[in-house]
Every structure is written in C-alpha cells, then in structure tokens.
Amino acid sequence: MSLSFTLADEEAKPEFGGDEPEVKDQDSSLINTNSNRAIVIPQDSWSTPNMRIDIDKFDGNGDFRIWRRKIRALLAQQRLLKALDDPIIWPDGTTEEQKNEVLETATGTIIFHLTDSIIRLVDGEDTPAKIWAKLDTLFQVKSLTNKIYLKERLFGYRMSTSKSLEENLDEFLKMTIELANSGDKEALSDENQAIIILNSLPEA
C-alpha cells in the first residue's frame, strides 16, 4: 500500500518548517509495510533524487531519543515541523484547508512510525502536538525513580565479555544519554565517564 503526501503549489503556500534548513520542493511517498519499519522515499529532495529514508517504528523498547530526533528531521524535511508547536502560529494568509493538510500529514508521518501497541496509547490525542507530548510523557526519562535506577546501572556498569567493545561502549553511551536527558544537571562529566569505563573493564 502506498500513500503519497504532497504539498503542491509551493508559491501559494507558506512554509511550516520552523528554523530548520530550507528544503527544495519535493514529493514524498510513505510506505507502510508489514514489517517493523516505515519507509519514506522522497523525490527531488536535497541532492539525492531517489534517497530512501528507512526509520524503525517505535515499539516502546528502542532508543526513544534517537527515534524522536529522526522523526523531527523527517517532519522538518517535509516542512511540517511547526505542526508540533502548541499553539501553532500560522503565517498570515494560511487557509483552513492548508492548516488541515499540514496537521493531517504530520499526524500520518508520526503514526506510521509507531507500532500498533504504541498507537493505542496515543489514540485519544487529536493533533500532532498532543501525540508528541503524550509520547514524551510516556517515554522520556524524568522521574526520580528512573534517575536513581539509571545512576545505579551506570556506576555499577561492567562490560560483558560476550559483547564486542563497540557494543559495550554503545550500551554505556545510551545510559549516559538517558541520564543527561532526565534533568538539566544530570549529565556526567567526561572525567566521571572515563572512571566508570575504566572500572567496567573485565579482569584480565
């Protein structure tokens, strides 16, 4: 099944991409497959005419921060990033039809990149901004309990001999990022990260 979202007649329509870099006129096809991925194939975008954007659907278990950043980049490319604002400050002259098209297309982009179980959690939200806020509430690490849990995992971290060095470091990096996202002053210093890494090395 293929669905195409096109914002036609760019001269007559305002742009909704916020402060992101301007992208040339483009059509993009969003393909929903039976797999755990939604594939977006933009045409005439940037300098790669047939570039394929392949983003995993978020199922609640992956790295929400990375998924979130990819979706924001995709919405920016589609000139729909403003749809995440609440309230949206529409450019002068924006018609109701144009507003609805922006909101519906942004909603579709987000929904097609969620698994069915996550869609059920946001099913009651009727705008892209509300869906986005609900996802943040559900999956951003903010509670005190989660902060304590993350710190315990970090300071007790030990590299696994069954994994490669790259896999171990990637796991450690994910934990430091989650902790940094949990509060303004929660990021570990480079010195503390180095100490944890040295202490995590398996015994020779």
C-alpha atoms as a PDB file:
ATOM      1  CA  MET A   1       0.000   0.000   0.000  1.00  0.00           C
ATOM      2  CA  SER A   2       1.410   3.404  -0.915  1.00  0.00           C
ATOM      3  CA  LEU A   3       0.292   6.784   0.302  1.00  0.00           C
ATOM      4  CA  SER A   4       1.675   9.977  -1.123  1.00  0.00           C
ATOM      5  CA  PHE A   5       1.737  13.237   0.767  1.00  0.00           C
ATOM      6  CA  THR A   6       2.391  16.240  -1.434  1.00  0.00           C
ATOM      7  CA  LEU A   7       2.260  19.896  -0.531  1.00  0.00           C
ATOM      8  CA  ALA A   8       1.696  21.241  -4.029  1.00  0.00           C
ATOM      9  CA  ASP A   9       1.896  24.779  -5.364  1.00  0.00           C
ATOM     10  CA  GLU A  10       4.690  25.932  -3.040  1.00  0.00           C
ATOM     11  CA  GLU A  11       4.454  29.523  -4.241  1.00  0.00           C
ATOM     12  CA  ALA A  12       0.932  29.818  -2.897  1.00  0.00           C
ATOM     13  CA  LYS A  13       1.596  28.075   0.423  1.00  0.00           C
ATOM     14  CA  PRO A  14       3.524  29.266   3.465  1.00  0.00           C
ATOM     15  CA  GLU A  15       6.289  27.074   4.816  1.00  0.00           C
ATOM     16  CA  PHE A  16       5.929  25.266   8.129  1.00  0.00           C
ATOM     17  CA  GLY A  17       9.471  24.016   8.725  1.00  0.00           C
ATOM     18  CA  GLY A  18      10.387  26.384  11.540  1.00  0.00           C
ATOM     19  CA  ASP A  19      14.056  27.281  11.771  1.00  0.00           C
ATOM     20  CA  GLU A  20      15.248  24.120  10.039  1.00  0.00           C
ATOM     21  CA  PRO A  21      17.257  24.434   6.790  1.00  0.00           C
ATOM     22  CA  GLU A  22      15.132  25.108   3.721  1.00  0.00           C
ATOM     23  CA  VAL A  23      14.466  22.069   1.549  1.00  0.00           C
ATOM     24  CA  LYS A  24      13.673  22.302  -2.162  1.00  0.00           C
ATOM     25  CA  ASP A  25      10.224  21.372  -3.487  1.00  0.00           C
ATOM     26  CA  GLN A  26       9.608  17.665  -3.173  1.00  0.00           C
ATOM     27  CA  ASP A  27       7.080  14.868  -3.234  1.00  0.00           C
ATOM     28  CA  SER A  28       7.430  12.042  -0.752  1.00  0.00           C
ATOM     29  CA  SER A  29       5.885   8.616  -0.584  1.00  0.00           C
ATOM     30  CA  LEU A  30       5.251   6.970   2.778  1.00  0.00           C
ATOM     31  CA  ILE A  31       5.007   3.217   2.533  1.00  0.00           C
ATOM     32  CA  ASN A  32       3.576   1.201   5.394  1.00  0.00           C
ATOM     33  CA  THR A  33       4.827  -2.368   5.281  1.00  0.00           C
ATOM     34  CA  ASN A  34       4.012  -5.371   7.418  1.00  0.00           C
ATOM     35  CA  SER A  35       7.493  -5.162   8.888  1.00  0.00           C
ATOM     36  CA  ASN A  36       8.551  -3.008  11.809  1.00  0.00           C
ATOM     37  CA  ARG A  37       9.633  -0.168   9.539  1.00  0.00           C
ATOM     38  CA  ALA A  38       8.011   2.711   7.715  1.00  0.00           C
ATOM     39  CA  ILE A  39       9.870   3.641   4.566  1.00  0.00           C
ATOM     40  CA  VAL A  40       9.813   7.179   3.205  1.00  0.00           C
ATOM     41  CA  ILE A  41      11.093   7.764  -0.308  1.00  0.00           C
ATOM     42  CA  PRO A  42      11.375  11.498  -1.019  1.00  0.00           C
ATOM     43  CA  GLN A  43      11.794  12.567  -4.624  1.00  0.00           C
ATOM     44  CA  ASP A  44      13.746  15.635  -5.706  1.00  0.00           C
ATOM     45  CA  SER A  45      14.881  16.263  -2.151  1.00  0.00           C
ATOM     46  CA  TRP A  46      18.304  17.703  -1.362  1.00  0.00           C
ATOM     47  CA  SER A  47      20.834  16.433  -3.895  1.00  0.00           C
ATOM     48  CA  THR A  48      19.771  12.760  -3.909  1.00  0.00           C
ATOM     49  CA  PRO A  49      16.667  12.283  -6.107  1.00  0.00           C
ATOM     50  CA  ASN A  50      15.895   8.727  -5.007  1.00  0.00           C
ATOM     51  CA  MET A  51      17.114   8.867  -1.414  1.00  0.00           C
ATOM     52  CA  ARG A  52      15.388   6.324   0.821  1.00  0.00           C
ATOM     53  CA  ILE A  53      14.649   7.141   4.458  1.00  0.00           C
ATOM     54  CA  ASP A  54      14.187   3.972   6.463  1.00  0.00           C
ATOM     55  CA  ILE A  55      13.107   4.570  10.072  1.00  0.00           C
ATOM     56  CA  ASP A  56      12.233   1.824  12.535  1.00  0.00           C
ATOM     57  CA  LYS A  57       8.772   2.012  14.033  1.00  0.00           C
ATOM     58  CA  PHE A  58       8.978   2.860  17.719  1.00  0.00           C
ATOM     59  CA  ASP A  59       7.707  -0.025  19.853  1.00  0.00           C
ATOM     60  CA  GLY A  60       8.465   1.324  23.325  1.00  0.00           C
ATOM     61  CA  ASN A  61      11.677  -0.646  23.739  1.00  0.00           C
ATOM     62  CA  GLY A  62      14.143   1.123  21.483  1.00  0.00           C
ATOM     63  CA  ASP A  63      16.064   4.358  21.970  1.00  0.00           C
ATOM     64  CA  PHE A  64      13.243   6.906  22.109  1.00  0.00           C
ATOM     65  CA  ARG A  65      15.597   9.881  21.970  1.00  0.00           C
ATOM     66  CA  ILE A  66      17.155   8.744  18.673  1.00  0.00           C
ATOM     67  CA  TRP A  67      13.769   7.843  17.157  1.00  0.00           C
ATOM     68  CA  ARG A  68      12.392  11.223  18.262  1.00  0.00           C
ATOM     69  CA  ARG A  69      15.249  13.073  16.593  1.00  0.00           C
ATOM     70  CA  LYS A  70      14.802  11.169  13.315  1.00  0.00           C
ATOM     71  CA  ILE A  71      11.081  11.962  13.186  1.00  0.00           C
ATOM     72  CA  ARG A  72      11.728  15.646  13.863  1.00  0.00           C
ATOM     73  CA  ALA A  73      14.238  15.650  10.990  1.00  0.00           C
ATOM     74  CA  LEU A  74      11.698  13.964   8.712  1.00  0.00           C
ATOM     75  CA  LEU A  75       8.990  16.491   9.625  1.00  0.00           C
ATOM     76  CA  ALA A  76      11.460  19.321   9.000  1.00  0.00           C
ATOM     77  CA  GLN A  77      12.240  17.893   5.560  1.00  0.00           C
ATOM     78  CA  GLN A  78       8.506  17.807   4.819  1.00  0.00           C
ATOM     79  CA  ARG A  79       8.196  21.402   6.091  1.00  0.00           C
ATOM     80  CA  LEU A  80       5.835  20.222   8.825  1.00  0.00           C
ATOM     81  CA  LEU A  81       7.878  20.838  11.982  1.00  0.00           C
ATOM     82  CA  LYS A  82       5.592  23.666  13.075  1.00  0.00           C
ATOM     83  CA  ALA A  83       2.831  21.086  13.479  1.00  0.00           C
ATOM     84  CA  LEU A  84       4.495  20.063  16.773  1.00  0.00           C
ATOM     85  CA  ASP A  85       4.037  23.544  18.248  1.00  0.00           C
ATOM     86  CA  ASP A  86       1.188  24.139  20.659  1.00  0.00           C
ATOM     87  CA  PRO A  87      -0.245  26.573  19.875  1.00  0.00           C
ATOM     88  CA  ILE A  88       0.803  26.868  16.236  1.00  0.00           C
ATOM     89  CA  ILE A  89       1.458  30.398  14.997  1.00  0.00           C
ATOM     90  CA  TRP A  90       0.271  30.183  11.409  1.00  0.00           C
ATOM     91  CA  PRO A  91       1.709  32.533   8.765  1.00  0.00           C
ATOM     92  CA  ASP A  92      -0.634  35.240   7.550  1.00  0.00           C
ATOM     93  CA  GLY A  93      -2.876  34.061   4.748  1.00  0.00           C
ATOM     94  CA  THR A  94      -2.893  30.389   5.728  1.00  0.00           C
ATOM     95  CA  THR A  95      -6.255  28.899   4.803  1.00  0.00           C
ATOM     96  CA  GLU A  96      -8.168  26.325   6.858  1.00  0.00           C
ATOM     97  CA  GLU A  97      -7.572  23.795   4.101  1.00  0.00           C
ATOM     98  CA  GLN A  98      -3.819  24.343   4.301  1.00  0.00           C
ATOM     99  CA  LYS A  99      -3.878  24.074   8.104  1.00  0.00           C
ATOM    100  CA  ASN A 100      -5.783  20.795   7.964  1.00  0.00           C
ATOM    101  CA  GLU A 101      -3.421  19.409   5.335  1.00  0.00           C
ATOM    102  CA  VAL A 102      -0.369  20.215   7.468  1.00  0.00           C
ATOM    103  CA  LEU A 103      -1.907  18.692  10.619  1.00  0.00           C
ATOM    104  CA  GLU A 104      -3.171  15.559   8.886  1.00  0.00           C
ATOM    105  CA  THR A 105       0.108  14.933   7.067  1.00  0.00           C
ATOM    106  CA  ALA A 106       2.201  15.452  10.220  1.00  0.00           C
ATOM    107  CA  THR A 107      -0.112  13.152  12.174  1.00  0.00           C
ATOM    108  CA  GLY A 108       0.218  10.488   9.484  1.00  0.00           C
ATOM    109  CA  THR A 109       4.005  10.741   9.484  1.00  0.00           C
ATOM    110  CA  ILE A 110       4.166  10.152  13.252  1.00  0.00           C
ATOM    111  CA  ILE A 111       1.534   7.403  13.354  1.00  0.00           C
ATOM    112  CA  PHE A 112       3.128   5.423  10.506  1.00  0.00           C
ATOM    113  CA  HIS A 113       6.346   5.293  12.564  1.00  0.00           C
ATOM    114  CA  LEU A 114       4.687   3.752  15.634  1.00  0.00           C
ATOM    115  CA  THR A 115       3.763   0.129  16.233  1.00  0.00           C
ATOM    116  CA  ASP A 116       0.116  -0.766  16.894  1.00  0.00           C
ATOM    117  CA  SER A 117       0.671  -1.088  20.648  1.00  0.00           C
ATOM    118  CA  ILE A 118       2.080   2.472  20.870  1.00  0.00           C
ATOM    119  CA  ILE A 119      -0.643   3.875  18.603  1.00  0.00           C
ATOM    120  CA  ARG A 120      -3.211   2.596  21.109  1.00  0.00           C
ATOM    121  CA  LEU A 121      -1.514   4.649  23.838  1.00  0.00           C
ATOM    122  CA  VAL A 122      -1.903   7.905  21.876  1.00  0.00           C
ATOM    123  CA  ASP A 123      -5.200   7.088  20.185  1.00  0.00           C
ATOM    124  CA  GLY A 124      -7.109   9.729  22.141  1.00  0.00           C
ATOM    125  CA  GLU A 125      -4.848  12.595  21.015  1.00  0.00           C
ATOM    126  CA  ASP A 126      -6.184  14.543  18.023  1.00  0.00           C
ATOM    127  CA  THR A 127      -3.241  16.750  16.954  1.00  0.00           C
ATOM    128  CA  PRO A 128       0.435  16.101  16.170  1.00  0.00           C
ATOM    129  CA  ALA A 129       1.465  18.290  19.122  1.00  0.00           C
ATOM    130  CA  LYS A 130      -0.689  16.306  21.553  1.00  0.00           C
ATOM    131  CA  ILE A 131       0.575  12.982  20.195  1.00  0.00           C
ATOM    132  CA  TRP A 132       4.164  14.229  20.543  1.00  0.00           C
ATOM    133  CA  ALA A 133       3.582  15.470  24.088  1.00  0.00           C
ATOM    134  CA  LYS A 134       1.989  12.152  25.098  1.00  0.00           C
ATOM    135  CA  LEU A 135       4.944  10.209  23.724  1.00  0.00           C
ATOM    136  CA  ASP A 136       7.336  12.474  25.638  1.00  0.00           C
ATOM    137  CA  THR A 137       5.368  11.909  28.824  1.00  0.00           C
ATOM    138  CA  LEU A 138       5.396   8.143  28.357  1.00  0.00           C
ATOM    139  CA  PHE A 139       8.971   7.584  27.235  1.00  0.00           C
ATOM    140  CA  GLN A 140      11.225  10.459  28.277  1.00  0.00           C
ATOM    141  CA  VAL A 141      13.193   9.590  31.423  1.00  0.00           C
ATOM    142  CA  LYS A 142      12.221  12.180  34.036  1.00  0.00           C
ATOM    143  CA  SER A 143      11.073  10.575  37.270  1.00  0.00           C
ATOM    144  CA  LEU A 144      13.266  10.416  40.363  1.00  0.00           C
ATOM    145  CA  THR A 145      12.931   6.634  40.458  1.00  0.00           C
ATOM    146  CA  ASN A 146      14.255   6.316  36.924  1.00  0.00           C
ATOM    147  CA  LYS A 147      17.130   8.698  37.689  1.00  0.00           C
ATOM    148  CA  ILE A 148      18.189   6.585  40.658  1.00  0.00           C
ATOM    149  CA  TYR A 149      17.864   3.409  38.609  1.00  0.00           C
ATOM    150  CA  LEU A 150      19.985   4.862  35.790  1.00  0.00           C
ATOM    151  CA  LYS A 151      22.694   6.017  38.192  1.00  0.00           C
ATOM    152  CA  GLU A 152      22.818   2.595  39.822  1.00  0.00           C
ATOM    153  CA  ARG A 153      23.194   0.966  36.406  1.00  0.00           C
ATOM    154  CA  LEU A 154      25.903   3.415  35.354  1.00  0.00           C
ATOM    155  CA  PHE A 155      28.047   3.293  38.472  1.00  0.00           C
ATOM    156  CA  GLY A 156      27.684  -0.471  38.661  1.00  0.00           C
ATOM    157  CA  TYR A 157      28.279  -0.968  34.934  1.00  0.00           C
ATOM    158  CA  ARG A 158      30.527  -3.833  33.871  1.00  0.00           C
ATOM    159  CA  MET A 159      31.424  -4.674  30.295  1.00  0.00           C
ATOM    160  CA  SER A 160      30.210  -8.035  29.058  1.00  0.00           C
ATOM    161  CA  THR A 161      32.842 -10.386  27.648  1.00  0.00           C
ATOM    162  CA  SER A 162      30.204 -11.821  25.309  1.00  0.00           C
ATOM    163  CA  LYS A 163      29.881  -8.468  23.526  1.00  0.00           C
ATOM    164  CA  SER A 164      32.345  -6.556  21.396  1.00  0.00           C
ATOM    165  CA  LEU A 165      33.996  -3.418  22.725  1.00  0.00           C
ATOM    166  CA  GLU A 166      31.867  -1.349  20.339  1.00  0.00           C
ATOM    167  CA  GLU A 167      28.640  -2.934  21.634  1.00  0.00           C
ATOM    168  CA  ASN A 168      29.667  -2.356  25.253  1.00  0.00           C
ATOM    169  CA  LEU A 169      30.543   1.286  24.628  1.00  0.00           C
ATOM    170  CA  ASP A 170      27.283   1.826  22.727  1.00  0.00           C
ATOM    171  CA  GLU A 171      25.332   0.427  25.684  1.00  0.00           C
ATOM    172  CA  PHE A 172      27.238   2.697  28.067  1.00  0.00           C
ATOM    173  CA  LEU A 173      26.666   5.735  25.831  1.00  0.00           C
ATOM    174  CA  LYS A 174      22.920   5.088  25.723  1.00  0.00           C
ATOM    175  CA  MET A 175      22.771   5.085  29.528  1.00  0.00           C
ATOM    176  CA  THR A 176      24.723   8.347  29.811  1.00  0.00           C
ATOM    177  CA  ILE A 177      22.422   9.989  27.261  1.00  0.00           C
ATOM    178  CA  GLU A 178      19.301   8.791  29.091  1.00  0.00           C
ATOM    179  CA  LEU A 179      20.676  10.199  32.348  1.00  0.00           C
ATOM    180  CA  ALA A 180      21.563  13.532  30.706  1.00  0.00           C
ATOM    181  CA  ASN A 181      18.002  13.753  29.320  1.00  0.00           C
ATOM    182  CA  SER A 182      16.495  13.158  32.747  1.00  0.00           C
ATOM    183  CA  GLY A 183      17.423  16.610  34.077  1.00  0.00           C
ATOM    184  CA  ASP A 184      19.365  19.791  33.374  1.00  0.00           C
ATOM    185  CA  LYS A 185      22.212  18.931  35.775  1.00  0.00           C
ATOM    186  CA  GLU A 186      22.292  15.162  35.424  1.00  0.00           C
ATOM    187  CA  ALA A 187      24.887  14.815  32.659  1.00  0.00           C
ATOM    188  CA  LEU A 188      28.072  13.037  33.724  1.00  0.00           C
ATOM    189  CA  SER A 189      31.361  14.858  33.273  1.00  0.00           C
ATOM    190  CA  ASP A 190      33.948  13.398  30.902  1.00  0.00           C
ATOM    191  CA  GLU A 191      36.109  12.570  33.919  1.00  0.00           C
ATOM    192  CA  ASN A 192      33.348  10.561  35.611  1.00  0.00           C
ATOM    193  CA  GLN A 193      32.577   8.747  32.365  1.00  0.00           C
ATOM    194  CA  ALA A 194      36.248   7.808  31.992  1.00  0.00           C
ATOM    195  CA  ILE A 195      36.385   6.494  35.578  1.00  0.00           C
ATOM    196  CA  ILE A 196      33.272   4.354  35.059  1.00  0.00           C
ATOM    197  CA  ILE A 197      34.661   2.950  31.787  1.00  0.00           C
ATOM    198  CA  LEU A 198      37.993   2.048  33.409  1.00  0.00           C
ATOM    199  CA  ASN A 199      36.236   0.346  36.323  1.00  0.00           C
ATOM    200  CA  SER A 200      33.941  -1.524  33.935  1.00  0.00           C
ATOM    201  CA  LEU A 201      36.749  -3.311  32.090  1.00  0.00           C
ATOM    202  CA  PRO A 202      36.715  -7.082  32.633  1.00  0.00           C
ATOM    203  CA  GLU A 203      39.553  -8.606  34.607  1.00  0.00           C
ATOM    204  CA  ALA A 204      42.400  -9.934  32.508  1.00  0.00           C
END
